Amino acid sequence: MAALQALYLKAVRHVVDNTEDVGERFVEEVRSIHHGDAPERAIRGQATPEERAELAEEGIDILTMPLPEAMKGPLQ
């Protein structure tokens, strides 16, 4: 179990280090990227289950990856 947790945390750190946090603008921003109205880049943010379902219906694939509570605040 400890090895699995370590692997998950490594993956989370990679995502955090290699994506732009757009926060609550995630759904708007991912649609803009999908439609070519914003530059393509790796982003992360928040979306409700309903918003995620709408994106899926529009053919926009996203990955849901909950962040551990300790990583939700400022990173040092």
C-alpha atoms as a PDB file:
ATOM      1  CA  MET A   1       0.000   0.000   0.000  1.00  0.00           C
ATOM      2  CA  ALA A   2       2.833   2.428   0.808  1.00  0.00           C
ATOM      3  CA  ALA A   3       4.378   1.863  -2.626  1.00  0.00           C
ATOM      4  CA  LEU A   4       1.040   2.610  -4.299  1.00  0.00           C
ATOM      5  CA  GLN A   5       0.657   5.819  -2.294  1.00  0.00           C
ATOM      6  CA  ALA A   6       4.189   6.893  -3.199  1.00  0.00           C
ATOM      7  CA  LEU A   7       3.495   6.261  -6.890  1.00  0.00           C
ATOM      8  CA  TYR A   8       0.242   8.265  -6.699  1.00  0.00           C
ATOM      9  CA  LEU A   9       2.001  11.183  -4.988  1.00  0.00           C
ATOM     10  CA  LYS A  10       4.721  11.112  -7.629  1.00  0.00           C
ATOM     11  CA  ALA A  11       2.066  11.309 -10.352  1.00  0.00           C
ATOM     12  CA  VAL A  12       0.294  14.171  -8.566  1.00  0.00           C
ATOM     13  CA  ARG A  13       3.551  16.104  -8.203  1.00  0.00           C
ATOM     14  CA  HIS A  14       4.248  15.614 -11.905  1.00  0.00           C
ATOM     15  CA  VAL A  15       0.810  16.985 -12.809  1.00  0.00           C
ATOM     16  CA  VAL A  16       1.169  19.970 -10.476  1.00  0.00           C
ATOM     17  CA  ASP A  17       4.660  20.748 -11.765  1.00  0.00           C
ATOM     18  CA  ASN A  18       3.670  20.494 -15.442  1.00  0.00           C
ATOM     19  CA  THR A  19       0.262  22.169 -15.618  1.00  0.00           C
ATOM     20  CA  GLU A  20      -1.162  25.657 -15.239  1.00  0.00           C
ATOM     21  CA  ASP A  21      -3.703  26.023 -12.431  1.00  0.00           C
ATOM     22  CA  VAL A  22      -6.705  27.881 -13.868  1.00  0.00           C
ATOM     23  CA  GLY A  23      -8.869  27.161 -10.820  1.00  0.00           C
ATOM     24  CA  GLU A  24     -12.573  27.775 -11.210  1.00  0.00           C
ATOM     25  CA  ARG A  25     -12.055  28.927 -14.822  1.00  0.00           C
ATOM     26  CA  PHE A  26     -11.202  25.324 -15.808  1.00  0.00           C
ATOM     27  CA  VAL A  27     -14.381  24.541 -17.758  1.00  0.00           C
ATOM     28  CA  GLU A  28     -14.308  27.838 -19.662  1.00  0.00           C
ATOM     29  CA  GLU A  29     -10.595  27.506 -20.373  1.00  0.00           C
ATOM     30  CA  VAL A  30     -10.717  23.870 -21.507  1.00  0.00           C
ATOM     31  CA  ARG A  31     -13.549  24.708 -23.909  1.00  0.00           C
ATOM     32  CA  SER A  32     -11.533  27.636 -25.300  1.00  0.00           C
ATOM     33  CA  ILE A  33      -8.535  25.372 -25.844  1.00  0.00           C
ATOM     34  CA  HIS A  34     -10.719  22.686 -27.428  1.00  0.00           C
ATOM     35  CA  HIS A  35     -12.247  25.185 -29.878  1.00  0.00           C
ATOM     36  CA  GLY A  36      -8.881  26.767 -30.739  1.00  0.00           C
ATOM     37  CA  ASP A  37      -9.667  30.096 -29.078  1.00  0.00           C
ATOM     38  CA  ALA A  38      -6.860  29.739 -26.525  1.00  0.00           C
ATOM     39  CA  PRO A  39      -3.362  28.320 -26.867  1.00  0.00           C
ATOM     40  CA  GLU A  40      -3.079  24.577 -26.316  1.00  0.00           C
ATOM     41  CA  ARG A  41      -1.426  23.816 -22.988  1.00  0.00           C
ATOM     42  CA  ALA A  42      -1.760  21.519 -19.993  1.00  0.00           C
ATOM     43  CA  ILE A  43      -4.137  22.952 -17.410  1.00  0.00           C
ATOM     44  CA  ARG A  44      -5.767  21.888 -14.176  1.00  0.00           C
ATOM     45  CA  GLY A  45      -8.639  23.283 -12.130  1.00  0.00           C
ATOM     46  CA  GLN A  46     -12.039  22.521 -10.680  1.00  0.00           C
ATOM     47  CA  ALA A  47     -15.198  21.253 -12.337  1.00  0.00           C
ATOM     48  CA  THR A  48     -18.403  19.891 -10.870  1.00  0.00           C
ATOM     49  CA  PRO A  49     -19.621  16.405 -11.788  1.00  0.00           C
ATOM     50  CA  GLU A  50     -22.278  18.045 -13.973  1.00  0.00           C
ATOM     51  CA  GLU A  51     -19.676  20.158 -15.778  1.00  0.00           C
ATOM     52  CA  ARG A  52     -17.486  17.094 -16.340  1.00  0.00           C
ATOM     53  CA  ALA A  53     -20.474  15.276 -17.852  1.00  0.00           C
ATOM     54  CA  GLU A  54     -21.185  18.247 -20.155  1.00  0.00           C
ATOM     55  CA  LEU A  55     -17.566  18.286 -21.316  1.00  0.00           C
ATOM     56  CA  ALA A  56     -17.719  14.561 -22.041  1.00  0.00           C
ATOM     57  CA  GLU A  57     -20.925  15.068 -24.078  1.00  0.00           C
ATOM     58  CA  GLU A  58     -19.069  17.741 -26.085  1.00  0.00           C
ATOM     59  CA  GLY A  59     -16.268  15.270 -26.819  1.00  0.00           C
ATOM     60  CA  ILE A  60     -13.794  16.957 -24.491  1.00  0.00           C
ATOM     61  CA  ASP A  61     -11.802  14.356 -22.582  1.00  0.00           C
ATOM     62  CA  ILE A  62     -10.490  15.304 -19.167  1.00  0.00           C
ATOM     63  CA  LEU A  63      -8.858  13.371 -16.360  1.00  0.00           C
ATOM     64  CA  THR A  64     -10.146  13.653 -12.814  1.00  0.00           C
ATOM     65  CA  MET A  65      -7.321  13.485 -10.291  1.00  0.00           C
ATOM     66  CA  PRO A  66      -8.127  14.535  -6.735  1.00  0.00           C
ATOM     67  CA  LEU A  67      -5.256  16.343  -5.038  1.00  0.00           C
ATOM     68  CA  PRO A  68      -4.327  15.394  -1.482  1.00  0.00           C
ATOM     69  CA  GLU A  69      -5.437  18.085   1.005  1.00  0.00           C
ATOM     70  CA  ALA A  70      -1.826  18.953   1.827  1.00  0.00           C
ATOM     71  CA  MET A  71      -1.215  19.947  -1.815  1.00  0.00           C
ATOM     72  CA  LYS A  72      -4.209  22.262  -2.158  1.00  0.00           C
ATOM     73  CA  GLY A  73      -2.596  25.205  -0.417  1.00  0.00           C
ATOM     74  CA  PRO A  74       0.465  27.175  -1.418  1.00  0.00           C
ATOM     75  CA  LEU A  75       3.332  24.975  -2.503  1.00  0.00           C
ATOM     76  CA  GLN A  76       6.835  25.784  -1.233  1.00  0.00           C
END
